[in-house]
Amino acid sequence: MQEYRFYLQISYLAFKSYYDDVAHYIEVTSECGQLLRIHARHFIGFLTHQGIQGLFVLNLSAEGTVVSLSKQIVA
C-alpha cells in the first residue's frame, strides 16, 4: 500500500465545478513531490460552506485504487 500526504485548499464554488461537470479530478502534489489525480467524489465528506481545506492522507492499493482518504488534524 502506498501513502501520500498533501495539503488542499479549494473554495466551495471551485469544488462544485469539479464535482458537477467541468473536471472530475482534482490534481494535488504530495509532500514528496508526486502529482496525484483524485476523483472529486472522494472529497465530498470533507466539503463545508467554506470549501475544503486541510492536510490529507491518501492510501492507495498496489493497483492504484483509493483505499482511504483522511483529513489530518494539524496541531
C-alpha atoms as a PDB file:
ATOM      1  CA  MET A   1       0.000   0.000   0.000  1.00  0.00           C
ATOM      2  CA  GLN A   2       1.221   3.479  -0.854  1.00  0.00           C
ATOM      3  CA  GLU A   3       0.593   6.517   1.346  1.00  0.00           C
ATOM      4  CA  TYR A   4       0.641  10.147   0.214  1.00  0.00           C
ATOM      5  CA  ARG A   5       0.230  13.311   2.275  1.00  0.00           C
ATOM      6  CA  PHE A   6      -0.873  16.595   0.690  1.00  0.00           C
ATOM      7  CA  TYR A   7      -2.438  19.931   1.549  1.00  0.00           C
ATOM      8  CA  LEU A   8      -5.602  21.052  -0.229  1.00  0.00           C
ATOM      9  CA  GLN A   9      -7.378  24.390  -0.120  1.00  0.00           C
ATOM     10  CA  ILE A  10     -10.273  24.879  -2.523  1.00  0.00           C
ATOM     11  CA  SER A  11     -13.369  27.059  -2.300  1.00  0.00           C
ATOM     12  CA  TYR A  12     -16.895  25.652  -2.286  1.00  0.00           C
ATOM     13  CA  LEU A  13     -17.657  27.059  -5.746  1.00  0.00           C
ATOM     14  CA  ALA A  14     -14.406  25.820  -7.248  1.00  0.00           C
ATOM     15  CA  PHE A  15     -15.007  22.347  -5.839  1.00  0.00           C
ATOM     16  CA  LYS A  16     -18.591  22.346  -7.098  1.00  0.00           C
ATOM     17  CA  SER A  17     -17.320  22.915 -10.642  1.00  0.00           C
ATOM     18  CA  TYR A  18     -15.006  19.896 -10.293  1.00  0.00           C
ATOM     19  CA  TYR A  19     -17.750  17.717  -8.895  1.00  0.00           C
ATOM     20  CA  ASP A  20     -20.581  18.788 -11.192  1.00  0.00           C
ATOM     21  CA  ASP A  21     -19.179  18.546 -14.681  1.00  0.00           C
ATOM     22  CA  VAL A  22     -16.222  20.721 -15.575  1.00  0.00           C
ATOM     23  CA  ALA A  23     -13.380  18.466 -14.430  1.00  0.00           C
ATOM     24  CA  HIS A  24     -13.996  15.417 -12.303  1.00  0.00           C
ATOM     25  CA  TYR A  25     -10.439  15.085 -10.979  1.00  0.00           C
ATOM     26  CA  ILE A  26      -8.555  17.282  -8.547  1.00  0.00           C
ATOM     27  CA  GLU A  27      -4.790  17.433  -9.016  1.00  0.00           C
ATOM     28  CA  VAL A  28      -2.588  17.860  -5.967  1.00  0.00           C
ATOM     29  CA  THR A  29       1.116  17.494  -5.298  1.00  0.00           C
ATOM     30  CA  SER A  30       2.053  15.279  -2.374  1.00  0.00           C
ATOM     31  CA  GLU A  31       4.662  16.278   0.186  1.00  0.00           C
ATOM     32  CA  CYS A  32       7.164  14.044  -1.630  1.00  0.00           C
ATOM     33  CA  GLY A  33       6.519  15.795  -4.972  1.00  0.00           C
ATOM     34  CA  GLN A  34       4.253  13.181  -6.574  1.00  0.00           C
ATOM     35  CA  LEU A  35       1.444  14.581  -8.739  1.00  0.00           C
ATOM     36  CA  LEU A  36      -1.871  12.910  -7.832  1.00  0.00           C
ATOM     37  CA  ARG A  37      -5.186  12.973  -9.723  1.00  0.00           C
ATOM     38  CA  ILE A  38      -8.015  12.149  -7.329  1.00  0.00           C
ATOM     39  CA  HIS A  39     -11.666  11.927  -8.303  1.00  0.00           C
ATOM     40  CA  ALA A  40     -13.696  14.691  -6.649  1.00  0.00           C
ATOM     41  CA  ARG A  41     -16.192  12.204  -5.206  1.00  0.00           C
ATOM     42  CA  HIS A  42     -13.598  11.170  -2.616  1.00  0.00           C
ATOM     43  CA  PHE A  43     -13.693  14.674  -1.079  1.00  0.00           C
ATOM     44  CA  ILE A  44     -17.482  15.076  -0.647  1.00  0.00           C
ATOM     45  CA  GLY A  45     -17.380  14.170   3.047  1.00  0.00           C
ATOM     46  CA  PHE A  46     -14.893  16.977   3.717  1.00  0.00           C
ATOM     47  CA  LEU A  47     -16.853  19.746   1.959  1.00  0.00           C
ATOM     48  CA  THR A  48     -18.130  22.679   4.045  1.00  0.00           C
ATOM     49  CA  HIS A  49     -19.650  26.035   3.086  1.00  0.00           C
ATOM     50  CA  GLN A  50     -16.094  27.397   3.027  1.00  0.00           C
ATOM     51  CA  GLY A  51     -14.864  24.628   0.752  1.00  0.00           C
ATOM     52  CA  ILE A  52     -12.203  22.052   1.548  1.00  0.00           C
ATOM     53  CA  GLN A  53      -9.058  22.885   3.444  1.00  0.00           C
ATOM     54  CA  GLY A  54      -6.536  20.799   5.303  1.00  0.00           C
ATOM     55  CA  LEU A  55      -3.823  18.208   5.322  1.00  0.00           C
ATOM     56  CA  PHE A  56      -4.919  14.863   3.885  1.00  0.00           C
ATOM     57  CA  VAL A  57      -3.534  11.330   3.785  1.00  0.00           C
ATOM     58  CA  LEU A  58      -4.355   9.172   0.766  1.00  0.00           C
ATOM     59  CA  ASN A  59      -3.764   5.416   0.818  1.00  0.00           C
ATOM     60  CA  LEU A  60      -3.690   3.558  -2.493  1.00  0.00           C
ATOM     61  CA  SER A  61      -3.693  -0.157  -3.192  1.00  0.00           C
ATOM     62  CA  ALA A  62      -0.925  -1.771  -5.228  1.00  0.00           C
ATOM     63  CA  GLU A  63      -3.243  -1.377  -8.245  1.00  0.00           C
ATOM     64  CA  GLY A  64      -3.589   2.380  -7.640  1.00  0.00           C
ATOM     65  CA  THR A  65      -7.171   2.435  -6.362  1.00  0.00           C
ATOM     66  CA  VAL A  66      -8.156   4.548  -3.367  1.00  0.00           C
ATOM     67  CA  VAL A  67      -8.216   2.539  -0.140  1.00  0.00           C
ATOM     68  CA  SER A  68      -8.764   5.514   2.173  1.00  0.00           C
ATOM     69  CA  LEU A  69      -8.632   9.292   2.321  1.00  0.00           C
ATOM     70  CA  SER A  70      -8.497  11.004   5.690  1.00  0.00           C
ATOM     71  CA  LYS A  71      -8.054  14.537   6.942  1.00  0.00           C
ATOM     72  CA  GLN A  72      -5.306  15.072   9.477  1.00  0.00           C
ATOM     73  CA  ILE A  73      -5.643  17.377  12.460  1.00  0.00           C
ATOM     74  CA  VAL A  74      -2.762  19.833  12.492  1.00  0.00           C
ATOM     75  CA  ALA A  75      -1.663  20.885  15.960  1.00  0.00           C
END
